[in-house]
Amino acid sequence: MRNILPFLAALVIVGALGSGCASTETKLGRGFSNMTEFARLGEMRYEVEQTGLFDQPGGHYATGFIRGLSKSFARTGVGVYEVVTAPFPPYDPVFTGYLSPNPKYPDAYRPDLIDDSLFATDTNMGFSGGDIAPYVPGSRFKIFNTH
């Protein structure tokens, strides 16, 4: 047991030094974004919207809910996999036949920057536009909607 700990430490160091940095950051960031799917509920809202619009308007929202739940679990699992394997190649997105590499949002909602002084561009007035409550489903009210 004593001899395996230095071997594992050396293996981790060699893996970290041999893997590079730029692609690791992308993979790790994509993994964290996918892991937080249940906090965002983007797949769930997207699938309910698409089922309601195209499968049978006026019904079967439960089908969209189940599809969204399934894709949310899959996206969370892919996120955990990408976070754990971030230092090791390959760095390309996995499981792209079923999920898109980037987080999914309903077609009726386009995410924007949070209304915060960090992203504020108007220094003369002291405030600028952005989502007021972007994490609240259905919140689309914006100050100074210019696009």
C-alpha atoms as a PDB file:
ATOM      1  CA  MET A   1       0.000   0.000   0.000  1.00  0.00           C
ATOM      2  CA  ARG A   2       2.903   2.317   0.728  1.00  0.00           C
ATOM      3  CA  ASN A   3       4.425   1.911  -2.726  1.00  0.00           C
ATOM      4  CA  ILE A   4       1.268   2.699  -4.697  1.00  0.00           C
ATOM      5  CA  LEU A   5       0.812   6.279  -3.413  1.00  0.00           C
ATOM      6  CA  PRO A   6       4.031   7.709  -4.986  1.00  0.00           C
ATOM      7  CA  PHE A   7       3.216   5.868  -8.213  1.00  0.00           C
ATOM      8  CA  LEU A   8      -0.283   7.404  -8.369  1.00  0.00           C
ATOM      9  CA  ALA A   9       1.102  10.871  -7.571  1.00  0.00           C
ATOM     10  CA  ALA A  10       3.665  10.537 -10.364  1.00  0.00           C
ATOM     11  CA  LEU A  11       0.969   9.335 -12.755  1.00  0.00           C
ATOM     12  CA  VAL A  12      -1.227  12.361 -11.961  1.00  0.00           C
ATOM     13  CA  ILE A  13       1.683  14.769 -12.439  1.00  0.00           C
ATOM     14  CA  VAL A  14       2.677  13.216 -15.775  1.00  0.00           C
ATOM     15  CA  GLY A  15      -0.947  13.309 -16.941  1.00  0.00           C
ATOM     16  CA  ALA A  16      -1.339  16.968 -15.961  1.00  0.00           C
ATOM     17  CA  LEU A  17       1.933  18.049 -17.589  1.00  0.00           C
ATOM     18  CA  GLY A  18       1.415  16.044 -20.755  1.00  0.00           C
ATOM     19  CA  SER A  19      -2.130  17.095 -21.471  1.00  0.00           C
ATOM     20  CA  GLY A  20      -1.851  20.783 -22.356  1.00  0.00           C
ATOM     21  CA  CYS A  21      -4.020  23.592 -21.098  1.00  0.00           C
ATOM     22  CA  ALA A  22      -6.307  25.267 -23.657  1.00  0.00           C
ATOM     23  CA  SER A  23      -8.423  22.263 -24.555  1.00  0.00           C
ATOM     24  CA  THR A  24      -8.554  21.169 -20.931  1.00  0.00           C
ATOM     25  CA  GLU A  25     -10.179  24.465 -19.958  1.00  0.00           C
ATOM     26  CA  THR A  26     -12.780  24.116 -22.689  1.00  0.00           C
ATOM     27  CA  LYS A  27     -13.614  20.544 -21.728  1.00  0.00           C
ATOM     28  CA  LEU A  28     -13.768  21.382 -18.017  1.00  0.00           C
ATOM     29  CA  GLY A  29     -15.981  24.422 -18.594  1.00  0.00           C
ATOM     30  CA  ARG A  30     -18.312  22.435 -20.861  1.00  0.00           C
ATOM     31  CA  GLY A  31     -18.458  19.703 -18.221  1.00  0.00           C
ATOM     32  CA  PHE A  32     -19.398  22.120 -15.418  1.00  0.00           C
ATOM     33  CA  SER A  33     -22.019  23.717 -17.657  1.00  0.00           C
ATOM     34  CA  ASN A  34     -23.515  20.317 -18.419  1.00  0.00           C
ATOM     35  CA  MET A  35     -23.390  19.220 -14.768  1.00  0.00           C
ATOM     36  CA  THR A  36     -25.616  22.132 -13.742  1.00  0.00           C
ATOM     37  CA  GLU A  37     -28.397  21.134 -16.152  1.00  0.00           C
ATOM     38  CA  PHE A  38     -30.943  20.472 -13.415  1.00  0.00           C
ATOM     39  CA  ALA A  39     -30.408  23.967 -12.004  1.00  0.00           C
ATOM     40  CA  ARG A  40     -30.932  25.477 -15.466  1.00  0.00           C
ATOM     41  CA  LEU A  41     -33.670  23.132 -16.784  1.00  0.00           C
ATOM     42  CA  GLY A  42     -32.901  24.125 -20.372  1.00  0.00           C
ATOM     43  CA  GLU A  43     -33.423  20.681 -21.915  1.00  0.00           C
ATOM     44  CA  MET A  44     -36.661  20.263 -19.991  1.00  0.00           C
ATOM     45  CA  ARG A  45     -38.100  23.582 -21.192  1.00  0.00           C
ATOM     46  CA  TYR A  46     -36.876  22.984 -24.747  1.00  0.00           C
ATOM     47  CA  GLU A  47     -38.431  19.526 -25.048  1.00  0.00           C
ATOM     48  CA  VAL A  48     -41.765  20.611 -23.531  1.00  0.00           C
ATOM     49  CA  GLU A  49     -41.878  23.550 -25.957  1.00  0.00           C
ATOM     50  CA  GLN A  50     -40.993  21.451 -29.000  1.00  0.00           C
ATOM     51  CA  THR A  51     -43.449  18.678 -28.096  1.00  0.00           C
ATOM     52  CA  GLY A  52     -46.239  21.181 -27.548  1.00  0.00           C
ATOM     53  CA  LEU A  53     -45.544  22.921 -30.858  1.00  0.00           C
ATOM     54  CA  PHE A  54     -44.837  20.059 -33.214  1.00  0.00           C
ATOM     55  CA  ASP A  55     -46.028  16.713 -31.867  1.00  0.00           C
ATOM     56  CA  GLN A  56     -49.577  17.556 -30.910  1.00  0.00           C
ATOM     57  CA  PRO A  57     -50.543  21.113 -30.025  1.00  0.00           C
ATOM     58  CA  GLY A  58     -52.776  21.264 -27.003  1.00  0.00           C
ATOM     59  CA  GLY A  59     -51.642  18.059 -25.393  1.00  0.00           C
ATOM     60  CA  HIS A  60     -48.935  15.599 -24.534  1.00  0.00           C
ATOM     61  CA  TYR A  61     -46.810  17.977 -22.499  1.00  0.00           C
ATOM     62  CA  ALA A  62     -46.047  14.965 -20.313  1.00  0.00           C
ATOM     63  CA  THR A  63     -44.198  13.423 -23.270  1.00  0.00           C
ATOM     64  CA  GLY A  64     -42.039  16.529 -23.538  1.00  0.00           C
ATOM     65  CA  PHE A  65     -41.424  16.430 -19.797  1.00  0.00           C
ATOM     66  CA  ILE A  66     -40.212  12.810 -19.989  1.00  0.00           C
ATOM     67  CA  ARG A  67     -38.010  13.577 -23.011  1.00  0.00           C
ATOM     68  CA  GLY A  68     -36.569  16.590 -21.216  1.00  0.00           C
ATOM     69  CA  LEU A  69     -35.971  14.586 -18.047  1.00  0.00           C
ATOM     70  CA  SER A  70     -34.169  11.906 -20.041  1.00  0.00           C
ATOM     71  CA  LYS A  71     -31.957  14.431 -21.821  1.00  0.00           C
ATOM     72  CA  SER A  72     -31.283  16.282 -18.558  1.00  0.00           C
ATOM     73  CA  PHE A  73     -30.005  13.083 -16.943  1.00  0.00           C
ATOM     74  CA  ALA A  74     -27.893  12.344 -20.036  1.00  0.00           C
ATOM     75  CA  ARG A  75     -26.450  15.881 -20.085  1.00  0.00           C
ATOM     76  CA  THR A  76     -25.635  15.718 -16.361  1.00  0.00           C
ATOM     77  CA  GLY A  77     -23.899  12.359 -16.851  1.00  0.00           C
ATOM     78  CA  VAL A  78     -21.873  13.699 -19.781  1.00  0.00           C
ATOM     79  CA  GLY A  79     -20.936  16.691 -17.624  1.00  0.00           C
ATOM     80  CA  VAL A  80     -19.667  14.465 -14.812  1.00  0.00           C
ATOM     81  CA  TYR A  81     -17.687  12.414 -17.342  1.00  0.00           C
ATOM     82  CA  GLU A  82     -16.116  15.539 -18.883  1.00  0.00           C
ATOM     83  CA  VAL A  83     -15.159  17.011 -15.497  1.00  0.00           C
ATOM     84  CA  VAL A  84     -13.527  13.758 -14.356  1.00  0.00           C
ATOM     85  CA  THR A  85     -11.665  13.226 -17.644  1.00  0.00           C
ATOM     86  CA  ALA A  86     -10.822  16.912 -18.304  1.00  0.00           C
ATOM     87  CA  PRO A  87      -7.022  16.537 -18.040  1.00  0.00           C
ATOM     88  CA  PHE A  88      -6.940  13.622 -20.469  1.00  0.00           C
ATOM     89  CA  PRO A  89      -7.501  13.617 -24.251  1.00  0.00           C
ATOM     90  CA  PRO A  90      -9.675  13.505 -26.362  1.00  0.00           C
ATOM     91  CA  TYR A  91     -11.028  17.001 -25.778  1.00  0.00           C
ATOM     92  CA  ASP A  92     -13.859  16.951 -28.309  1.00  0.00           C
ATOM     93  CA  PRO A  93     -17.480  16.802 -27.100  1.00  0.00           C
ATOM     94  CA  VAL A  94     -18.816  13.296 -26.541  1.00  0.00           C
ATOM     95  CA  PHE A  95     -22.272  11.811 -27.099  1.00  0.00           C
ATOM     96  CA  THR A  96     -23.131  14.456 -29.721  1.00  0.00           C
ATOM     97  CA  GLY A  97     -25.511  12.195 -31.618  1.00  0.00           C
ATOM     98  CA  TYR A  98     -28.065  12.598 -28.811  1.00  0.00           C
ATOM     99  CA  LEU A  99     -27.098  15.932 -27.222  1.00  0.00           C
ATOM    100  CA  SER A 100     -25.750  19.180 -28.605  1.00  0.00           C
ATOM    101  CA  PRO A 101     -22.330  20.143 -27.194  1.00  0.00           C
ATOM    102  CA  ASN A 102     -23.634  23.475 -25.901  1.00  0.00           C
ATOM    103  CA  PRO A 103     -26.471  23.961 -23.412  1.00  0.00           C
ATOM    104  CA  LYS A 104     -29.931  23.962 -24.942  1.00  0.00           C
ATOM    105  CA  TYR A 105     -32.524  26.697 -24.450  1.00  0.00           C
ATOM    106  CA  PRO A 106     -36.101  26.933 -25.705  1.00  0.00           C
ATOM    107  CA  ASP A 107     -36.461  28.655 -29.073  1.00  0.00           C
ATOM    108  CA  ALA A 108     -38.643  31.314 -27.446  1.00  0.00           C
ATOM    109  CA  TYR A 109     -35.819  32.354 -25.095  1.00  0.00           C
ATOM    110  CA  ARG A 110     -32.385  33.683 -25.914  1.00  0.00           C
ATOM    111  CA  PRO A 111     -30.058  34.041 -22.911  1.00  0.00           C
ATOM    112  CA  ASP A 112     -28.290  37.321 -22.405  1.00  0.00           C
ATOM    113  CA  LEU A 113     -25.804  38.768 -19.968  1.00  0.00           C
ATOM    114  CA  ILE A 114     -26.909  39.212 -16.379  1.00  0.00           C
ATOM    115  CA  ASP A 115     -27.631  42.823 -15.506  1.00  0.00           C
ATOM    116  CA  ASP A 116     -24.570  43.447 -13.380  1.00  0.00           C
ATOM    117  CA  SER A 117     -21.993  46.201 -13.067  1.00  0.00           C
ATOM    118  CA  LEU A 118     -19.346  43.735 -14.236  1.00  0.00           C
ATOM    119  CA  PHE A 119     -20.898  43.658 -17.707  1.00  0.00           C
ATOM    120  CA  ALA A 120     -22.230  47.236 -17.710  1.00  0.00           C
ATOM    121  CA  THR A 121     -21.138  49.186 -20.754  1.00  0.00           C
ATOM    122  CA  ASP A 122     -22.683  52.555 -19.950  1.00  0.00           C
ATOM    123  CA  THR A 123     -20.427  54.214 -17.422  1.00  0.00           C
ATOM    124  CA  ASN A 124     -22.056  57.639 -17.747  1.00  0.00           C
ATOM    125  CA  MET A 125     -25.533  56.569 -16.641  1.00  0.00           C
ATOM    126  CA  GLY A 126     -24.375  53.910 -14.182  1.00  0.00           C
ATOM    127  CA  PHE A 127     -26.542  51.043 -15.475  1.00  0.00           C
ATOM    128  CA  SER A 128     -27.176  49.074 -18.636  1.00  0.00           C
ATOM    129  CA  GLY A 129     -29.428  46.351 -20.023  1.00  0.00           C
ATOM    130  CA  GLY A 130     -29.549  42.614 -19.439  1.00  0.00           C
ATOM    131  CA  ASP A 131     -31.843  39.975 -18.001  1.00  0.00           C
ATOM    132  CA  ILE A 132     -33.426  40.992 -14.725  1.00  0.00           C
ATOM    133  CA  ALA A 133     -34.027  37.455 -13.450  1.00  0.00           C
ATOM    134  CA  PRO A 134     -32.447  35.045 -15.960  1.00  0.00           C
ATOM    135  CA  TYR A 135     -32.752  31.987 -13.732  1.00  0.00           C
ATOM    136  CA  VAL A 136     -36.511  32.350 -13.297  1.00  0.00           C
ATOM    137  CA  PRO A 137     -38.250  30.359 -16.057  1.00  0.00           C
ATOM    138  CA  GLY A 138     -40.325  32.614 -18.272  1.00  0.00           C
ATOM    139  CA  SER A 139     -38.536  35.814 -17.206  1.00  0.00           C
ATOM    140  CA  ARG A 140     -37.965  37.774 -20.386  1.00  0.00           C
ATOM    141  CA  PHE A 141     -38.228  41.338 -19.111  1.00  0.00           C
ATOM    142  CA  LYS A 142     -35.215  43.461 -20.011  1.00  0.00           C
ATOM    143  CA  ILE A 143     -34.193  47.021 -19.379  1.00  0.00           C
ATOM    144  CA  PHE A 144     -33.198  48.836 -22.582  1.00  0.00           C
ATOM    145  CA  ASN A 145     -34.022  45.992 -24.940  1.00  0.00           C
ATOM    146  CA  THR A 146     -32.043  47.013 -28.015  1.00  0.00           C
ATOM    147  CA  HIS A 147     -32.028  43.778 -30.024  1.00  0.00           C
END
